[in-house]
C-alpha atoms as a PDB file:
ATOM      1  CA  MET A   1      14.718   4.095 -20.384  1.00  0.00           C
ATOM      2  CA  ASP A   2      11.753   5.148 -21.837  1.00  0.00           C
ATOM      3  CA  PHE A   3      10.419   8.425 -20.352  1.00  0.00           C
ATOM      4  CA  VAL A   4       6.659   7.582 -21.279  1.00  0.00           C
ATOM      5  CA  VAL A   5       6.713   4.145 -19.516  1.00  0.00           C
ATOM      6  CA  LEU A   6       8.561   5.834 -16.618  1.00  0.00           C
ATOM      7  CA  SER A   7       5.746   8.567 -16.498  1.00  0.00           C
ATOM      8  CA  GLN A   8       3.236   5.453 -16.547  1.00  0.00           C
ATOM      9  CA  VAL A   9       4.897   3.596 -13.739  1.00  0.00           C
ATOM     10  CA  ALA A  10       4.771   7.086 -11.808  1.00  0.00           C
ATOM     11  CA  VAL A  11       0.959   7.721 -12.491  1.00  0.00           C
ATOM     12  CA  LEU A  12       0.284   3.682 -11.587  1.00  0.00           C
ATOM     13  CA  ALA A  13       2.327   4.525  -8.180  1.00  0.00           C
ATOM     14  CA  VAL A  14       0.371   7.141  -7.527  1.00  0.00           C
ATOM     15  CA  ALA A  15      -3.092   5.511  -7.788  1.00  0.00           C
ATOM     16  CA  ALA A  16      -1.622   2.319  -5.979  1.00  0.00           C
ATOM     17  CA  SER A  17      -0.574   4.424  -3.053  1.00  0.00           C
ATOM     18  CA  ALA A  18      -4.202   6.235  -2.900  1.00  0.00           C
ATOM     19  CA  ILE A  19      -5.872   2.989  -3.419  1.00  0.00           C
ATOM     20  CA  SER A  20      -3.675   1.107  -0.528  1.00  0.00           C
ATOM     21  CA  ALA A  21      -4.078   4.276   1.879  1.00  0.00           C
ATOM     22  CA  THR A  22      -7.801   4.108   1.353  1.00  0.00           C
ATOM     23  CA  ILE A  23      -8.206   0.365   2.040  1.00  0.00           C
ATOM     24  CA  SER A  24      -6.095   0.576   4.977  1.00  0.00           C
ATOM     25  CA  ARG A  25      -6.654   3.822   6.886  1.00  0.00           C
ATOM     26  CA  ALA A  26      -9.998   5.030   5.937  1.00  0.00           C
ATOM     27  CA  LYS A  27     -12.908   4.764   8.136  1.00  0.00           C
ATOM     28  CA  VAL A  28     -15.126   3.688   5.247  1.00  0.00           C
ATOM     29  CA  PHE A  29     -13.054   0.356   5.265  1.00  0.00           C
ATOM     30  CA  ALA A  30     -12.973   0.020   9.077  1.00  0.00           C
ATOM     31  CA  SER A  31     -15.625  -2.404   9.377  1.00  0.00           C
ATOM     32  CA  THR A  32     -14.528  -4.295   6.308  1.00  0.00           C
ATOM     33  CA  ARG A  33     -10.886  -4.651   7.702  1.00  0.00           C
ATOM     34  CA  ARG A  34     -12.364  -5.676  10.984  1.00  0.00           C
ATOM     35  CA  CYS A  35     -14.143  -8.565   9.773  1.00  0.00           C
ATOM     36  CA  ILE A  36     -11.471  -9.713   7.304  1.00  0.00           C
ATOM     37  CA  ALA A  37      -9.293  -9.724  10.605  1.00  0.00           C
ATOM     38  CA  LEU A  38     -11.723 -12.097  12.286  1.00  0.00           C
ATOM     39  CA  HIS A  39     -11.924 -14.475   9.521  1.00  0.00           C
ATOM     40  CA  ASN A  40      -8.146 -14.520   8.471  1.00  0.00           C
ATOM     41  CA  ARG A  41      -5.306 -13.061  10.311  1.00  0.00           C
ATOM     42  CA  TRP A  42      -2.809 -12.720   7.321  1.00  0.00           C
ATOM     43  CA  LEU A  43      -5.538 -11.232   5.468  1.00  0.00           C
ATOM     44  CA  GLY A  44      -6.507  -8.963   8.147  1.00  0.00           C
ATOM     45  CA  GLU A  45      -2.920  -7.703   8.737  1.00  0.00           C
ATOM     46  CA  LEU A  46      -2.548  -7.248   4.983  1.00  0.00           C
ATOM     47  CA  VAL A  47      -5.607  -4.822   4.625  1.00  0.00           C
ATOM     48  CA  SER A  48      -4.583  -3.161   7.961  1.00  0.00           C
ATOM     49  CA  CYS A  49      -1.031  -2.241   6.632  1.00  0.00           C
ATOM     50  CA  HIS A  50      -0.794   0.340   3.819  1.00  0.00           C
ATOM     51  CA  TYR A  51       2.719  -0.537   2.895  1.00  0.00           C
ATOM     52  CA  CYS A  52       1.887  -4.243   2.613  1.00  0.00           C
ATOM     53  CA  MET A  53      -1.522  -3.293   0.132  1.00  0.00           C
ATOM     54  CA  VAL A  54       1.090  -0.981  -1.793  1.00  0.00           C
ATOM     55  CA  HIS A  55       2.662  -4.253  -2.850  1.00  0.00           C
ATOM     56  CA  TRP A  56      -0.007  -5.928  -3.820  1.00  0.00           C
ATOM     57  CA  VAL A  57      -1.759  -3.235  -5.391  1.00  0.00           C
ATOM     58  CA  CYS A  58       1.202  -2.601  -7.706  1.00  0.00           C
ATOM     59  CA  ALA A  59       1.452  -6.449  -8.327  1.00  0.00           C
ATOM     60  CA  GLY A  60      -2.219  -6.216  -9.695  1.00  0.00           C
ATOM     61  CA  PHE A  61      -1.015  -3.277 -11.703  1.00  0.00           C
ATOM     62  CA  THR A  62       2.056  -4.967 -13.220  1.00  0.00           C
ATOM     63  CA  VAL A  63       0.060  -7.873 -14.206  1.00  0.00           C
ATOM     64  CA  ILE A  64      -2.823  -5.740 -15.903  1.00  0.00           C
ATOM     65  CA  TYR A  65      -0.870  -2.922 -17.406  1.00  0.00           C
ATOM     66  CA  ARG A  66       2.622  -4.558 -18.051  1.00  0.00           C
ATOM     67  CA  PRO A  67       4.962  -1.545 -17.721  1.00  0.00           C
ATOM     68  CA  VAL A  68       8.389  -2.467 -18.686  1.00  0.00           C
ATOM     69  CA  ILE A  69      10.905  -0.014 -17.853  1.00  0.00           C
ATOM     70  CA  MET A  70      14.185  -2.017 -19.114  1.00  0.00           C
ATOM     71  CA  GLN A  71      14.100  -4.396 -21.929  1.00  0.00           C
ATOM     72  CA  VAL A  72      16.308  -7.213 -21.193  1.00  0.00           C
ATOM     73  CA  PHE A  73      14.554 -10.269 -20.216  1.00  0.00           C
ATOM     74  CA  PHE A  74      10.621  -9.693 -19.879  1.00  0.00           C
ATOM     75  CA  PRO A  75       9.732 -11.674 -16.329  1.00  0.00           C
ATOM     76  CA  ILE A  76      13.074  -9.785 -14.827  1.00  0.00           C
ATOM     77  CA  ASP A  77      11.709  -6.608 -16.660  1.00  0.00           C
ATOM     78  CA  LEU A  78       8.188  -6.874 -15.016  1.00  0.00           C
ATOM     79  CA  PHE A  79       9.950  -7.853 -11.669  1.00  0.00           C
ATOM     80  CA  VAL A  80      11.834  -4.495 -11.957  1.00  0.00           C
ATOM     81  CA  SER A  81       9.180  -2.275 -12.989  1.00  0.00           C
ATOM     82  CA  LEU A  82       7.133  -3.613  -9.901  1.00  0.00           C
ATOM     83  CA  PHE A  83       9.726  -2.575  -7.604  1.00  0.00           C
ATOM     84  CA  VAL A  84      10.233   0.558  -8.956  1.00  0.00           C
ATOM     85  CA  MET A  85       6.269   1.045  -8.711  1.00  0.00           C
ATOM     86  CA  VAL A  86       6.677  -0.002  -5.106  1.00  0.00           C
ATOM     87  CA  GLY A  87       9.355   2.331  -4.299  1.00  0.00           C
ATOM     88  CA  PHE A  88       7.396   5.247  -5.777  1.00  0.00           C
ATOM     89  CA  ALA A  89       4.048   4.173  -3.979  1.00  0.00           C
ATOM     90  CA  ALA A  90       5.504   3.721  -0.736  1.00  0.00           C
ATOM     91  CA  ILE A  91       7.188   7.236  -0.434  1.00  0.00           C
ATOM     92  CA  ILE A  92       3.735   8.666  -2.094  1.00  0.00           C
ATOM     93  CA  SER A  93       1.876   6.423   0.531  1.00  0.00           C
ATOM     94  CA  GLY A  94       3.843   7.683   3.219  1.00  0.00           C
ATOM     95  CA  VAL A  95       3.338  11.386   2.391  1.00  0.00           C
ATOM     96  CA  ILE A  96      -0.313  10.581   2.006  1.00  0.00           C
ATOM     97  CA  VAL A  97      -0.950   8.539   5.430  1.00  0.00           C
ATOM     98  CA  CYS A  98       1.318  11.251   7.243  1.00  0.00           C
ATOM     99  CA  LEU A  99      -0.465  14.375   5.944  1.00  0.00           C
ATOM    100  CA  THR A 100      -4.004  12.857   5.621  1.00  0.00           C
ATOM    101  CA  PHE A 101      -4.430  10.661   8.532  1.00  0.00           C
ATOM    102  CA  THR A 102      -2.342  12.591  10.948  1.00  0.00           C
ATOM    103  CA  GLY A 103      -2.874  16.070  10.007  1.00  0.00           C
ATOM    104  CA  GLY A 104       0.809  16.419   9.259  1.00  0.00           C
ATOM    105  CA  ASP A 105       2.069  17.235  12.873  1.00  0.00           C
ATOM    106  CA  ALA A 106       5.111  15.261  13.713  1.00  0.00           C
ATOM    107  CA  LYS A 107       4.245  14.902  17.259  1.00  0.00           C
ATOM    108  CA  THR A 108       0.629  13.268  16.454  1.00  0.00           C
ATOM    109  CA  ASN A 109       2.422  11.321  13.880  1.00  0.00           C
ATOM    110  CA  ARG A 110       4.443   9.654  16.572  1.00  0.00           C
ATOM    111  CA  LYS A 111       1.528   8.936  18.717  1.00  0.00           C
ATOM    112  CA  TYR A 112      -0.752   7.658  15.990  1.00  0.00           C
ATOM    113  CA  ARG A 113       2.089   5.147  14.698  1.00  0.00           C
ATOM    114  CA  GLY A 114       2.073   3.535  18.068  1.00  0.00           C
ATOM    115  CA  LYS A 115      -2.096   3.265  17.943  1.00  0.00           C
ATOM    116  CA  ALA A 116      -2.047   2.309  14.547  1.00  0.00           C
ATOM    117  CA  GLU A 117      -0.012  -0.589  15.150  1.00  0.00           C
ATOM    118  CA  ASN A 118      -2.301  -1.850  17.721  1.00  0.00           C
ATOM    119  CA  ARG A 119      -5.407  -1.047  15.942  1.00  0.00           C
ATOM    120  CA  TYR A 120      -6.620  -4.494  15.184  1.00  0.00           C
ATOM    121  CA  ARG A 121      -4.728  -6.484  17.630  1.00  0.00           C
ATOM    122  CA  PRO A 122      -7.887  -7.162  19.576  1.00  0.00           C
ATOM    123  CA  ALA A 123      -9.661  -8.302  16.647  1.00  0.00           C
ATOM    124  CA  LEU A 124      -6.748 -10.625  15.606  1.00  0.00           C
ATOM    125  CA  ALA A 125      -6.403 -11.985  19.280  1.00  0.00           C
ATOM    126  CA  VAL A 126      -9.805 -13.469  19.061  1.00  0.00           C
ATOM    127  CA  ARG A 127      -8.659 -16.123  16.707  1.00  0.00           C
ATOM    128  CA  ARG A 128      -5.520 -17.394  18.613  1.00  0.00           C
END
């Protein structure tokens, strides 16, 4: 395993988690998320879930940057690199969301988690 490639995957994971958390949780994108949820339920769920967004952002980074951690068979190598990046990004994203959007308090975090799951349900119920 090459340290340079692993560090590139780590940097891409940090970027992916920041992008994902910003799109899925920041107030700046609230109207965009609501609009997307009204037009397409699946995409509305995607853009309001930071864990879901991490997968797609990492997939985009894998297509663009093509980091290869292992060198056995190129398509499988990209797949492995993708999910190593997703793993790093999911951990980082969880920390970002916990600390930034809930203030880092575990009690607040439990309350927030319930509200976050139901945040876009009314917008999605319109299409049903």
